[in-house]
Amino acid sequence: MFFLSNIKESYFSSGGLGEFLKIAIPSIISSYVVAVQIFTDRIFLSIYSQISYAASIPAGLSNSTLEYLFLFTIAYVDVFIAQYYGKKEYRFIGPAVWQSIYLAIVAAVIILAFVPFSEKIFINIGHTADIAAEEAKYFKTLCYGAFFPIAATAFSGFYFGRGKIYVTLLVNFCGVTFNIILDYCLIFGKFSFPELGITGAAWASNISYILMFFIYLFFVVSKKNDNIYNTRHIKFDINIFKRLLKFGFPNGITVFFDMMGFAVFMLIIGALGILELTASNIAFSAYHIIAMPIIGAGVATSIMVGNYLGQNKVSIAQKSVSTALRSIYVYVFVTVVLMLLFSTQLISPFLTNTKTSLEELIPMSVNLLRLLAIYMIFEAGNLTFQFAIKGAGDTAFVMKVFATLSFALVIIPTYLIINVFKMGVYAAWIITMTYEISLFMIFYFRYKSAKWKKMRVIDMNVIEG
């Protein structure tokens, strides 16, 4: 009975498993809903054309690399709201959300400036003309709609930062359902819609985010939310805006360098040929869906840390990280076993309509997915400790790490391995594992240094003691 009472107390205590799951499960489901959208896009494109499918990931990653610079700057409003919410400074929550919307407008204008260069970006990389043409179509169409996913992220922060994630789950579900329907109609030209192929997939995503934006807007500015959180206070606030840039922009730069490293990695892999690019796309697509819970759990970790630091309850913030780490590695252990034993089954949905010889494609895709299973072990720890210190405001350090390692351990070594030493696709993917191990070790030691315990984003200065 004593043992059971301890488990119960641990589950329901502050920073315990119950609180973690309350935030993490909706976050994970929400992440999966988005993953279903990406999965559906790629499945439909693989049925439509192997060239379109092969082009979708490099072009999508290139767009995401650019977009995520701003999206994750704005997404850091989650931490502001978490700390305001923990400190019970509710009147600042609405204004913080609107400052991130203004930043989204600036971001959209900057992203649109890349549209005229779409064709040159992919032709100059060295991809074949047919793949480069499809990549350019997908990239520039996504750029046209850049404002709406970024702005939707700003509104979602209103719920994520307070740990009220069910609304975001509902909005994502509506958006993804609409996206799947539009994918089918616009890619294949069904129900009197034009057959647009890869361009249709991009427009389906854009239109879905427009829908999500307006649903969020309706909920966020409701009278009830305005009364408590000041959500109709749309006035530009230079102080909050500057703080969002101070702490959020390093977060955006971090994701930018991380995505840029991986985007360049995939572009270099594409120079090897259609077999290597397709196998890499298949393995990454399967892994992306499998790894989504780790990202959702990381978001929950950041929210809990931010909330308790806002209350100056450092010990509970630390307990939250321990809870998250134990929970995530239970999932990782089970998942790694499944990835090693059932690799062929996990990649099978992505083999539809491929013109590449399956005798070559399947073994290569399976081997790459197994490498990614080992990669996941280190990514889980990396993300947990990384989100923990970012939840405190330690974004500048994280930015410096990614800015350095993305070049030193991904871009330069991959280029040398593929183009100079001609070592092939497996050696290139092993390089990414070295990168992930390095991130895990660096963020673990940064977390153990305890500097994050003294940081707050809602105060301009570090809090001592």
Protein backbone atom coordinates (compact mmCIF):
# COMPACT_ATOMS: atom_id res chain seq x y z
CA MET A 1 0.00 0.00 0.00
CA PHE A 2 2.88 2.35 0.81
CA PHE A 3 4.39 1.67 -2.62
CA LEU A 4 1.07 2.34 -4.35
CA SER A 5 0.49 5.53 -2.38
CA ASN A 6 3.95 6.77 -3.41
CA ILE A 7 3.13 6.10 -7.07
CA LYS A 8 -0.18 7.92 -6.71
CA GLU A 9 1.47 10.87 -4.97
CA SER A 10 4.16 11.06 -7.64
CA TYR A 11 1.59 10.90 -10.43
CA PHE A 12 -0.59 13.71 -9.08
CA SER A 13 2.15 15.91 -7.64
CA SER A 14 3.34 19.14 -9.26
CA GLY A 15 5.78 18.33 -12.05
CA GLY A 16 4.72 14.69 -11.93
CA LEU A 17 3.62 12.24 -14.58
CA GLY A 18 -0.04 13.26 -14.43
CA GLU A 19 0.70 16.89 -15.21
CA PHE A 20 3.22 15.94 -17.90
CA LEU A 21 0.76 13.63 -19.66
CA LYS A 22 -2.02 16.22 -19.43
CA ILE A 23 0.10 18.57 -21.53
CA ALA A 24 2.12 16.06 -23.55
CA ILE A 25 -0.68 13.81 -24.83
CA PRO A 26 -2.68 16.58 -26.57
CA SER A 27 0.62 18.03 -27.83
CA ILE A 28 1.68 14.66 -29.20
CA ILE A 29 -1.73 14.05 -30.80
CA SER A 30 -1.62 17.54 -32.29
CA SER A 31 1.84 16.79 -33.69
CA TYR A 32 0.57 13.54 -35.15
CA VAL A 33 -2.33 15.32 -36.78
CA VAL A 34 0.18 17.56 -38.55
CA ALA A 35 2.32 14.51 -39.38
CA VAL A 36 -0.72 12.89 -41.00
CA GLN A 37 -0.95 15.94 -43.26
CA ILE A 38 2.68 15.54 -44.33
CA PHE A 39 2.25 11.78 -44.69
CA THR A 40 -0.85 12.21 -46.87
CA ASP A 41 0.88 14.78 -49.09
CA ARG A 42 3.75 12.39 -49.72
CA ILE A 43 1.58 9.31 -50.21
CA PHE A 44 -0.60 11.09 -52.77
CA LEU A 45 2.47 12.50 -54.53
CA SER A 46 4.14 9.06 -54.58
CA ILE A 47 1.02 7.73 -56.32
CA TYR A 48 0.88 10.68 -58.71
CA SER A 49 4.55 10.74 -59.76
CA GLN A 50 7.86 9.50 -58.41
CA ILE A 51 9.51 12.70 -59.62
CA SER A 52 6.99 14.80 -57.67
CA TYR A 53 7.49 12.64 -54.60
CA ALA A 54 11.29 12.82 -54.83
CA ALA A 55 11.09 16.61 -55.25
CA SER A 56 8.65 17.20 -52.39
CA ILE A 57 11.05 16.58 -49.49
CA PRO A 58 14.06 18.68 -50.65
CA ALA A 59 11.72 21.50 -51.72
CA GLY A 60 9.61 21.18 -48.58
CA LEU A 61 12.71 21.21 -46.39
CA SER A 62 14.06 24.25 -48.23
CA ASN A 63 10.80 26.11 -47.65
CA SER A 64 10.66 24.96 -44.03
CA THR A 65 14.24 26.06 -43.44
CA LEU A 66 13.32 29.58 -44.51
CA GLU A 67 9.88 29.63 -42.89
CA TYR A 68 10.99 28.07 -39.60
CA LEU A 69 13.45 30.90 -38.98
CA PHE A 70 10.42 33.09 -38.33
CA LEU A 71 7.94 30.46 -37.24
CA PHE A 72 10.06 29.32 -34.31
CA THR A 73 10.93 32.89 -33.39
CA ILE A 74 7.20 33.44 -33.04
CA ALA A 75 6.58 30.01 -31.49
CA TYR A 76 8.71 31.11 -28.55
CA VAL A 77 5.73 33.17 -27.44
CA ASP A 78 4.70 29.86 -25.77
CA VAL A 79 7.42 30.40 -23.17
CA PHE A 80 6.44 34.03 -22.59
CA ILE A 81 2.84 33.01 -22.03
CA ALA A 82 3.87 30.08 -19.80
CA GLN A 83 5.89 32.40 -17.55
CA TYR A 84 3.23 35.13 -17.54
CA TYR A 85 0.65 32.47 -16.73
CA GLY A 86 2.76 31.03 -13.92
CA LYS A 87 3.32 34.49 -12.47
CA LYS A 88 -0.44 35.28 -12.87
CA GLU A 89 0.31 38.33 -15.01
CA TYR A 90 -2.63 37.52 -17.28
CA ARG A 91 -3.03 41.01 -18.76
CA PHE A 92 0.21 40.62 -20.74
CA ILE A 93 -0.78 37.37 -22.48
CA GLY A 94 -3.02 38.86 -25.19
CA PRO A 95 -0.57 41.64 -26.11
CA ALA A 96 2.25 39.06 -26.35
CA VAL A 97 0.21 37.05 -28.85
CA TRP A 98 -0.45 40.12 -31.01
CA GLN A 99 3.20 41.13 -31.11
CA SER A 100 3.93 37.71 -32.59
CA ILE A 101 1.23 38.29 -35.24
CA TYR A 102 2.93 41.55 -36.27
CA LEU A 103 6.20 39.68 -36.55
CA ALA A 104 4.44 37.11 -38.77
CA ILE A 105 3.52 39.88 -41.22
CA VAL A 106 7.15 40.96 -41.47
CA ALA A 107 8.22 37.33 -41.94
CA ALA A 108 5.75 36.74 -44.79
CA VAL A 109 7.06 39.74 -46.73
CA ILE A 110 10.65 38.53 -46.39
CA ILE A 111 9.77 34.98 -47.50
CA LEU A 112 7.90 36.27 -50.57
CA ALA A 113 11.14 37.94 -51.70
CA PHE A 114 12.59 34.46 -52.39
CA VAL A 115 9.89 33.50 -54.91
CA PRO A 116 11.65 34.99 -58.00
CA PHE A 117 14.72 32.86 -57.28
CA SER A 118 12.88 29.52 -56.92
CA GLU A 119 14.08 27.96 -60.19
CA LYS A 120 17.70 29.07 -59.75
CA ILE A 121 17.92 27.66 -56.22
CA PHE A 122 17.34 24.08 -57.32
CA ILE A 123 18.97 24.19 -60.75
CA ASN A 124 22.24 25.48 -59.27
CA ILE A 125 22.33 22.66 -56.71
CA GLY A 126 22.82 20.15 -59.51
CA HIS A 127 19.53 18.24 -59.47
CA THR A 128 18.23 16.95 -62.78
CA ALA A 129 16.01 19.36 -64.72
CA ASP A 130 12.78 17.41 -64.19
CA ILE A 131 13.21 17.19 -60.40
CA ALA A 132 14.39 20.83 -60.13
CA ALA A 133 11.29 22.04 -62.00
CA GLU A 134 8.99 20.20 -59.58
CA GLU A 135 10.99 21.44 -56.58
CA ALA A 136 10.65 25.04 -57.75
CA LYS A 137 6.86 24.73 -58.16
CA TYR A 138 6.41 23.32 -54.66
CA PHE A 139 8.79 25.77 -53.00
CA LYS A 140 7.39 28.99 -54.45
CA THR A 141 3.75 27.98 -53.95
CA LEU A 142 4.40 27.32 -50.26
CA CYS A 143 6.12 30.72 -50.05
CA TYR A 144 2.93 32.41 -51.32
CA GLY A 145 1.04 31.17 -48.27
CA ALA A 146 3.79 31.68 -45.68
CA PHE A 147 1.91 34.17 -43.49
CA PHE A 148 -0.84 31.78 -42.43
CA PRO A 149 1.13 28.87 -40.89
CA ILE A 150 3.35 31.39 -39.07
CA ALA A 151 0.37 33.41 -37.78
CA ALA A 152 -1.49 30.22 -36.82
CA THR A 153 1.54 29.26 -34.75
CA ALA A 154 1.34 32.62 -32.98
CA PHE A 155 -2.28 32.02 -32.04
CA SER A 156 -1.58 28.45 -30.98
CA GLY A 157 0.93 29.83 -28.46
CA PHE A 158 -1.99 31.33 -26.56
CA TYR A 159 -3.11 27.77 -25.76
CA PHE A 160 0.23 25.97 -25.63
CA GLY A 161 1.72 28.44 -23.17
CA ARG A 162 -1.13 27.89 -20.73
CA GLY A 163 -1.06 24.11 -21.18
CA LYS A 164 -4.56 24.23 -22.78
CA ILE A 165 -3.75 22.27 -25.88
CA TYR A 166 -7.14 20.76 -26.74
CA VAL A 167 -8.17 23.78 -28.80
CA THR A 168 -5.01 23.46 -30.91
CA LEU A 169 -5.81 19.78 -31.35
CA LEU A 170 -9.27 20.67 -32.65
CA VAL A 171 -7.94 23.33 -35.01
CA ASN A 172 -5.21 21.04 -36.34
CA PHE A 173 -7.72 18.26 -36.89
CA CYS A 174 -9.97 20.58 -38.91
CA GLY A 175 -7.04 21.87 -40.93
CA VAL A 176 -5.61 18.45 -41.70
CA THR A 177 -8.98 16.98 -42.66
CA PHE A 178 -9.51 19.86 -45.07
CA ASN A 179 -5.96 19.44 -46.38
CA ILE A 180 -6.44 15.74 -47.14
CA ILE A 181 -9.62 16.47 -49.10
CA LEU A 182 -7.95 19.27 -51.03
CA ASP A 183 -4.85 17.12 -51.67
CA TYR A 184 -6.98 14.50 -53.39
CA CYS A 185 -8.87 17.10 -55.40
CA LEU A 186 -5.97 19.33 -56.46
CA ILE A 187 -3.22 16.74 -57.02
CA PHE A 188 -5.31 14.39 -59.15
CA GLY A 189 -7.92 16.83 -60.50
CA LYS A 190 -10.98 15.21 -58.90
CA PHE A 191 -14.51 16.63 -58.54
CA SER A 192 -14.01 19.20 -61.33
CA PHE A 193 -10.86 20.63 -59.72
CA PRO A 194 -7.81 21.18 -61.97
CA GLU A 195 -5.06 18.54 -61.90
CA LEU A 196 -2.15 20.48 -60.42
CA GLY A 197 0.15 17.70 -59.18
CA ILE A 198 2.82 18.92 -56.76
CA THR A 199 1.53 22.50 -57.04
CA GLY A 200 -1.88 21.26 -55.91
CA ALA A 201 -0.32 19.68 -52.82
CA ALA A 202 1.24 23.03 -51.91
CA TRP A 203 -2.01 24.95 -52.46
CA ALA A 204 -3.89 22.40 -50.36
CA SER A 205 -1.51 23.15 -47.47
CA ASN A 206 -1.84 26.91 -47.95
CA ILE A 207 -5.64 26.89 -47.99
CA SER A 208 -5.77 24.62 -44.95
CA TYR A 209 -3.61 27.02 -42.94
CA ILE A 210 -5.87 29.91 -43.95
CA LEU A 211 -8.79 27.98 -42.46
CA MET A 212 -6.81 27.26 -39.27
CA PHE A 213 -5.83 30.91 -38.93
CA PHE A 214 -9.42 32.12 -38.95
CA ILE A 215 -10.59 29.40 -36.55
CA TYR A 216 -7.86 30.44 -34.10
CA LEU A 217 -8.76 34.10 -34.53
CA PHE A 218 -12.39 33.35 -33.67
CA PHE A 219 -11.47 31.53 -30.46
CA VAL A 220 -8.62 33.73 -29.26
CA VAL A 221 -10.48 37.05 -29.41
CA SER A 222 -13.65 35.75 -27.78
CA LYS A 223 -15.14 37.99 -25.09
CA LYS A 224 -14.29 35.47 -22.37
CA ASN A 225 -10.61 35.37 -23.33
CA ASP A 226 -10.47 39.14 -23.68
CA ASN A 227 -11.86 39.64 -20.17
CA ILE A 228 -9.17 37.47 -18.62
CA TYR A 229 -6.19 37.66 -20.97
CA ASN A 230 -6.66 40.98 -22.79
CA THR A 231 -6.77 39.27 -26.20
CA ARG A 232 -8.39 42.19 -28.02
CA HIS A 233 -5.54 44.49 -27.07
CA ILE A 234 -3.99 44.67 -30.54
CA LYS A 235 -1.85 47.76 -29.97
CA PHE A 236 1.80 47.45 -30.93
CA ASP A 237 3.91 47.09 -27.76
CA ILE A 238 7.56 47.82 -28.42
CA ASN A 239 8.73 46.37 -25.08
CA ILE A 240 7.12 42.95 -25.56
CA PHE A 241 8.07 42.96 -29.25
CA LYS A 242 11.74 43.59 -28.42
CA ARG A 243 11.76 40.87 -25.76
CA LEU A 244 10.15 38.43 -28.18
CA LEU A 245 12.94 39.17 -30.65
CA LYS A 246 15.62 39.00 -27.94
CA PHE A 247 14.67 35.50 -26.77
CA GLY A 248 12.65 34.22 -29.72
CA PHE A 249 14.98 35.10 -32.58
CA PRO A 250 17.81 32.90 -31.25
CA ASN A 251 15.22 30.12 -31.08
CA GLY A 252 14.30 30.77 -34.71
CA ILE A 253 17.96 30.89 -35.73
CA THR A 254 18.48 27.57 -33.93
CA VAL A 255 15.78 25.82 -35.92
CA PHE A 256 16.93 27.59 -39.09
CA PHE A 257 20.45 26.19 -38.78
CA ASP A 258 19.14 22.76 -37.82
CA MET A 259 16.74 22.67 -40.79
CA MET A 260 19.29 24.23 -43.11
CA GLY A 261 21.81 21.56 -42.19
CA PHE A 262 19.35 18.79 -42.90
CA ALA A 263 18.00 20.48 -46.06
CA VAL A 264 21.52 20.86 -47.47
CA PHE A 265 22.21 17.27 -46.41
CA MET A 266 19.20 16.03 -48.43
CA LEU A 267 20.14 18.23 -51.39
CA ILE A 268 23.65 16.76 -51.43
CA ILE A 269 22.18 13.25 -51.19
CA GLY A 270 20.04 14.14 -54.22
CA ALA A 271 23.20 14.62 -56.26
CA LEU A 272 23.99 10.90 -55.77
CA GLY A 273 20.97 9.87 -57.82
CA ILE A 274 17.27 9.03 -57.71
CA LEU A 275 17.79 5.74 -55.80
CA GLU A 276 19.68 7.34 -52.91
CA LEU A 277 17.34 10.35 -52.77
CA THR A 278 14.20 8.19 -52.83
CA ALA A 279 15.53 5.79 -50.18
CA SER A 280 16.53 8.71 -47.96
CA ASN A 281 13.11 10.31 -48.44
CA ILE A 282 11.35 7.05 -47.54
CA ALA A 283 13.42 6.43 -44.40
CA PHE A 284 13.09 10.03 -43.25
CA SER A 285 9.33 10.12 -43.92
CA ALA A 286 8.77 6.98 -41.83
CA TYR A 287 11.06 8.23 -39.06
CA HIS A 288 9.40 11.64 -38.99
CA ILE A 289 6.03 10.11 -38.14
CA ILE A 290 7.53 7.75 -35.55
CA ALA A 291 9.50 10.52 -33.81
CA MET A 292 6.65 13.03 -33.49
CA PRO A 293 5.86 12.09 -29.84
CA ILE A 294 9.40 13.07 -28.85
CA ILE A 295 8.84 16.57 -30.21
CA GLY A 296 5.42 16.84 -28.56
CA ALA A 297 6.90 15.74 -25.25
CA GLY A 298 9.68 18.30 -25.65
CA VAL A 299 7.10 21.05 -26.07
CA ALA A 300 5.38 19.87 -22.87
CA THR A 301 8.73 19.97 -21.06
CA SER A 302 9.32 23.57 -22.16
CA ILE A 303 5.85 24.65 -21.03
CA MET A 304 6.20 23.04 -17.61
CA VAL A 305 9.65 24.53 -17.05
CA GLY A 306 8.47 27.98 -18.13
CA ASN A 307 5.38 27.82 -15.95
CA TYR A 308 7.23 26.80 -12.78
CA LEU A 309 10.07 29.25 -13.34
CA GLY A 310 7.42 31.95 -13.66
CA GLN A 311 6.33 30.91 -10.17
CA ASN A 312 9.99 30.77 -9.01
CA LYS A 313 9.56 27.07 -8.21
CA VAL A 314 12.89 25.89 -9.60
CA SER A 315 12.88 22.48 -7.91
CA ILE A 316 9.53 21.58 -9.48
CA ALA A 317 10.76 22.77 -12.88
CA GLN A 318 13.70 20.39 -12.48
CA LYS A 319 11.36 17.59 -11.43
CA SER A 320 9.32 18.23 -14.59
CA VAL A 321 12.41 17.57 -16.73
CA SER A 322 13.12 14.29 -14.93
CA THR A 323 9.51 13.20 -15.41
CA ALA A 324 9.64 14.04 -19.11
CA LEU A 325 12.94 12.23 -19.63
CA ARG A 326 11.74 9.00 -18.04
CA SER A 327 8.48 9.07 -19.98
CA ILE A 328 10.13 9.77 -23.34
CA TYR A 329 12.64 6.94 -22.98
CA VAL A 330 9.90 4.41 -22.29
CA TYR A 331 8.49 5.32 -25.70
CA VAL A 332 11.93 5.33 -27.32
CA PHE A 333 12.82 1.85 -26.03
CA VAL A 334 9.64 0.31 -27.47
CA THR A 335 9.92 2.23 -30.73
CA VAL A 336 13.57 1.40 -31.39
CA VAL A 337 12.81 -2.31 -31.02
CA LEU A 338 9.94 -2.00 -33.51
CA MET A 339 12.09 -0.03 -35.96
CA LEU A 340 14.82 -2.66 -35.87
CA LEU A 341 12.47 -5.65 -36.19
CA PHE A 342 9.80 -4.30 -38.53
CA SER A 343 11.68 -1.85 -40.75
CA THR A 344 10.30 -3.29 -43.98
CA GLN A 345 6.70 -2.97 -42.81
CA LEU A 346 7.26 0.62 -41.65
CA ILE A 347 8.57 1.79 -45.03
CA SER A 348 6.03 -0.14 -47.12
CA PRO A 349 3.42 2.69 -47.29
CA PHE A 350 6.00 4.88 -49.04
CA LEU A 351 6.84 2.38 -51.81
CA THR A 352 3.70 3.03 -53.85
CA ASN A 353 4.21 3.72 -57.54
CA THR A 354 7.98 3.93 -57.36
CA LYS A 355 9.84 3.35 -60.61
CA THR A 356 13.08 2.58 -58.81
CA SER A 357 13.93 -1.12 -58.58
CA LEU A 358 12.45 -2.41 -55.32
CA GLU A 359 15.30 -4.92 -55.08
CA GLU A 360 17.66 -1.99 -54.57
CA LEU A 361 15.30 0.48 -52.91
CA ILE A 362 13.90 -1.66 -50.08
CA PRO A 363 17.23 -2.82 -48.58
CA MET A 364 18.67 0.69 -48.70
CA SER A 365 15.56 2.24 -47.12
CA VAL A 366 15.48 -0.44 -44.40
CA ASN A 367 19.14 0.07 -43.54
CA LEU A 368 18.69 3.83 -43.32
CA LEU A 369 15.65 3.47 -41.07
CA ARG A 370 17.65 1.20 -38.76
CA LEU A 371 20.36 3.83 -38.55
CA LEU A 372 17.66 6.32 -37.63
CA ALA A 373 16.50 4.01 -34.82
CA ILE A 374 19.90 4.50 -33.17
CA TYR A 375 19.72 8.20 -34.00
CA MET A 376 16.41 8.41 -32.06
CA ILE A 377 18.06 7.29 -28.81
CA PHE A 378 20.20 10.42 -28.79
CA GLU A 379 17.59 12.75 -30.28
CA ALA A 380 15.22 12.00 -27.38
CA GLY A 381 17.76 13.19 -24.81
CA ASN A 382 18.89 16.08 -26.97
CA LEU A 383 15.34 17.44 -27.35
CA THR A 384 14.42 16.98 -23.69
CA PHE A 385 17.40 18.92 -22.35
CA GLN A 386 17.25 21.43 -25.19
CA PHE A 387 13.55 22.23 -24.60
CA ALA A 388 14.16 22.40 -20.86
CA ILE A 389 16.79 25.13 -21.07
CA LYS A 390 14.86 26.96 -23.80
CA GLY A 391 11.84 26.98 -21.47
CA ALA A 392 13.95 29.08 -19.13
CA GLY A 393 15.24 31.45 -21.80
CA ASP A 394 18.66 29.95 -22.60
CA THR A 395 18.07 30.38 -26.34
CA ALA A 396 21.30 32.22 -27.16
CA PHE A 397 23.42 29.26 -26.08
CA VAL A 398 21.29 26.81 -28.08
CA MET A 399 21.58 29.05 -31.13
CA LYS A 400 25.38 29.12 -30.94
CA VAL A 401 25.54 25.34 -30.70
CA PHE A 402 23.39 24.76 -33.77
CA ALA A 403 25.05 27.51 -35.79
CA THR A 404 28.42 25.87 -35.18
CA LEU A 405 27.58 22.17 -35.43
CA SER A 406 25.28 22.34 -38.46
CA PHE A 407 28.27 23.45 -40.52
CA ALA A 408 31.02 21.59 -38.67
CA LEU A 409 29.29 18.20 -38.33
CA VAL A 410 26.68 18.10 -41.12
CA ILE A 411 27.15 20.36 -44.15
CA ILE A 412 30.93 20.30 -44.59
CA PRO A 413 31.47 16.60 -43.74
CA THR A 414 28.55 15.49 -45.96
CA TYR A 415 29.88 17.49 -48.89
CA LEU A 416 33.34 15.98 -48.45
CA ILE A 417 32.03 12.43 -48.05
CA ILE A 418 29.75 12.58 -51.10
CA ASN A 419 31.63 14.82 -53.52
CA VAL A 420 35.28 14.39 -52.57
CA PHE A 421 35.72 10.96 -50.99
CA LYS A 422 32.78 9.33 -52.89
CA MET A 423 31.84 7.25 -49.82
CA GLY A 424 28.10 7.05 -50.55
CA VAL A 425 24.78 7.40 -48.77
CA TYR A 426 25.45 5.28 -45.66
CA ALA A 427 28.52 7.24 -44.66
CA ALA A 428 26.57 10.46 -45.06
CA TRP A 429 23.78 9.27 -42.77
CA ILE A 430 26.28 8.11 -40.14
CA ILE A 431 27.54 11.70 -40.08
CA THR A 432 24.08 12.86 -38.98
CA MET A 433 24.26 10.41 -36.07
CA THR A 434 27.57 11.93 -34.95
CA TYR A 435 25.86 15.31 -35.06
CA GLU A 436 22.96 14.11 -32.88
CA ILE A 437 25.27 12.49 -30.32
CA SER A 438 27.19 15.76 -30.04
CA LEU A 439 23.97 17.73 -29.47
CA PHE A 440 22.87 15.29 -26.79
CA MET A 441 26.13 15.61 -24.87
CA ILE A 442 26.33 19.40 -25.12
CA PHE A 443 22.75 20.03 -23.94
CA TYR A 444 23.05 17.46 -21.17
CA PHE A 445 26.07 19.24 -19.70
CA ARG A 446 24.45 22.64 -20.19
CA TYR A 447 21.40 21.44 -18.28
CA LYS A 448 23.56 20.02 -15.49
CA SER A 449 25.39 23.34 -15.19
CA ALA A 450 22.12 24.77 -13.78
CA LYS A 451 22.56 28.20 -15.39
CA TRP A 452 19.04 27.89 -16.76
CA LYS A 453 17.61 27.94 -13.24
CA LYS A 454 18.36 31.65 -12.90
CA MET A 455 16.84 32.73 -16.22
CA ARG A 456 13.44 34.28 -17.00
CA VAL A 457 12.14 35.72 -20.27
CA ILE A 458 9.45 37.91 -18.71
CA ASP A 459 12.09 39.88 -16.79
CA MET A 460 14.74 41.77 -18.70
CA ASN A 461 17.50 40.64 -16.38
CA VAL A 462 18.59 37.33 -14.93
CA ILE A 463 17.05 36.56 -11.53
CA GLU A 464 19.66 35.78 -8.95
CA GLY A 465 18.97 33.21 -6.21
